Amino acid sequence: MLKFVKQQEQKLAMRLLAWHYEKNSIVMPPPSELRQQAERLVNDAHRIARERGRNVVSIIKDLVADIKKG
């Protein structure tokens, strides 16, 4: 069950990353790199959630929004 949830979070992170790249006219990395970025974001979000008690999805959104243009 937890693996399924984490996979769904990674899919959400990939969609948010793709949207962010497109919105900011940044060249999208290859799918494998995008998947790795999403995995790192989800792992970071879970770590932050454990430390601060926040919602993982909200943290993922914040992390994507913090990615610098370029």
C-alpha atoms as a PDB file:
ATOM      1  CA  MET A   1       0.000   0.000   0.000  1.00  0.00           C
ATOM      2  CA  LEU A   2       2.731   2.497   0.923  1.00  0.00           C
ATOM      3  CA  LYS A   3       4.622   1.751  -2.293  1.00  0.00           C
ATOM      4  CA  PHE A   4       1.475   2.581  -4.285  1.00  0.00           C
ATOM      5  CA  VAL A   5       1.069   5.906  -2.467  1.00  0.00           C
ATOM      6  CA  LYS A   6       4.700   6.835  -3.040  1.00  0.00           C
ATOM      7  CA  GLN A   7       4.371   5.981  -6.743  1.00  0.00           C
ATOM      8  CA  GLN A   8       1.330   8.248  -6.970  1.00  0.00           C
ATOM      9  CA  GLU A   9       3.233  11.048  -5.234  1.00  0.00           C
ATOM     10  CA  GLN A  10       6.071  10.623  -7.734  1.00  0.00           C
ATOM     11  CA  LYS A  11       3.627  10.795 -10.651  1.00  0.00           C
ATOM     12  CA  LEU A  12       2.179  13.996  -9.185  1.00  0.00           C
ATOM     13  CA  ALA A  13       5.680  15.420  -8.750  1.00  0.00           C
ATOM     14  CA  MET A  14       6.524  14.576 -12.382  1.00  0.00           C
ATOM     15  CA  ARG A  15       3.378  16.355 -13.605  1.00  0.00           C
ATOM     16  CA  LEU A  16       4.147  19.390 -11.450  1.00  0.00           C
ATOM     17  CA  LEU A  17       7.752  19.479 -12.644  1.00  0.00           C
ATOM     18  CA  ALA A  18       6.679  19.211 -16.287  1.00  0.00           C
ATOM     19  CA  TRP A  19       4.149  22.007 -15.759  1.00  0.00           C
ATOM     20  CA  HIS A  20       6.799  24.150 -14.055  1.00  0.00           C
ATOM     21  CA  TYR A  21       9.293  23.661 -16.888  1.00  0.00           C
ATOM     22  CA  GLU A  22       6.679  24.468 -19.515  1.00  0.00           C
ATOM     23  CA  LYS A  23       5.327  27.496 -17.638  1.00  0.00           C
ATOM     24  CA  ASN A  24       8.816  28.968 -17.280  1.00  0.00           C
ATOM     25  CA  SER A  25       9.946  28.085 -20.826  1.00  0.00           C
ATOM     26  CA  ILE A  26      12.681  25.811 -19.492  1.00  0.00           C
ATOM     27  CA  VAL A  27      13.840  22.907 -21.640  1.00  0.00           C
ATOM     28  CA  MET A  28      12.366  19.758 -20.144  1.00  0.00           C
ATOM     29  CA  PRO A  29      14.931  17.117 -19.173  1.00  0.00           C
ATOM     30  CA  PRO A  30      14.638  13.582 -20.558  1.00  0.00           C
ATOM     31  CA  PRO A  31      11.975  11.396 -18.883  1.00  0.00           C
ATOM     32  CA  SER A  32      14.538   9.420 -16.890  1.00  0.00           C
ATOM     33  CA  GLU A  33      15.991  12.596 -15.371  1.00  0.00           C
ATOM     34  CA  LEU A  34      12.510  14.000 -14.712  1.00  0.00           C
ATOM     35  CA  ARG A  35      11.649  10.739 -12.903  1.00  0.00           C
ATOM     36  CA  GLN A  36      14.808  11.049 -10.778  1.00  0.00           C
ATOM     37  CA  GLN A  37      13.991  14.668  -9.904  1.00  0.00           C
ATOM     38  CA  ALA A  38      10.469  13.627  -8.915  1.00  0.00           C
ATOM     39  CA  GLU A  39      11.818  10.824  -6.744  1.00  0.00           C
ATOM     40  CA  ARG A  40      14.198  13.227  -4.974  1.00  0.00           C
ATOM     41  CA  LEU A  41      11.367  15.719  -4.443  1.00  0.00           C
ATOM     42  CA  VAL A  42       9.130  13.061  -2.907  1.00  0.00           C
ATOM     43  CA  ASN A  43      11.924  11.812  -0.655  1.00  0.00           C
ATOM     44  CA  ASP A  44      12.688  15.383   0.458  1.00  0.00           C
ATOM     45  CA  ALA A  45       8.984  16.025   1.035  1.00  0.00           C
ATOM     46  CA  HIS A  46       8.697  12.940   3.252  1.00  0.00           C
ATOM     47  CA  ARG A  47      11.760  13.979   5.236  1.00  0.00           C
ATOM     48  CA  ILE A  48      10.357  17.485   5.736  1.00  0.00           C
ATOM     49  CA  ALA A  49       6.963  16.081   6.687  1.00  0.00           C
ATOM     50  CA  ARG A  50       8.566  13.900   9.361  1.00  0.00           C
ATOM     51  CA  GLU A  51      10.488  16.878  10.751  1.00  0.00           C
ATOM     52  CA  ARG A  52       7.718  19.459  10.608  1.00  0.00           C
ATOM     53  CA  GLY A  53       4.506  17.463  10.487  1.00  0.00           C
ATOM     54  CA  ARG A  54       3.230  18.995   7.253  1.00  0.00           C
ATOM     55  CA  ASN A  55       1.305  17.444   4.369  1.00  0.00           C
ATOM     56  CA  VAL A  56       3.566  15.708   1.812  1.00  0.00           C
ATOM     57  CA  VAL A  57       1.622  16.925  -1.241  1.00  0.00           C
ATOM     58  CA  SER A  58       1.795  20.543  -0.043  1.00  0.00           C
ATOM     59  CA  ILE A  59       5.530  20.183   0.472  1.00  0.00           C
ATOM     60  CA  ILE A  60       5.979  18.729  -3.024  1.00  0.00           C
ATOM     61  CA  LYS A  61       4.137  21.723  -4.488  1.00  0.00           C
ATOM     62  CA  ASP A  62       6.333  24.108  -2.488  1.00  0.00           C
ATOM     63  CA  LEU A  63       9.529  22.352  -3.579  1.00  0.00           C
ATOM     64  CA  VAL A  64       8.531  22.512  -7.251  1.00  0.00           C
ATOM     65  CA  ALA A  65       7.650  26.203  -6.915  1.00  0.00           C
ATOM     66  CA  ASP A  66      11.109  26.854  -5.436  1.00  0.00           C
ATOM     67  CA  ILE A  67      12.963  25.504  -8.469  1.00  0.00           C
ATOM     68  CA  LYS A  68      14.829  28.370 -10.062  1.00  0.00           C
ATOM     69  CA  LYS A  69      14.314  29.309 -13.682  1.00  0.00           C
ATOM     70  CA  GLY A  70      17.148  28.314 -15.968  1.00  0.00           C
END
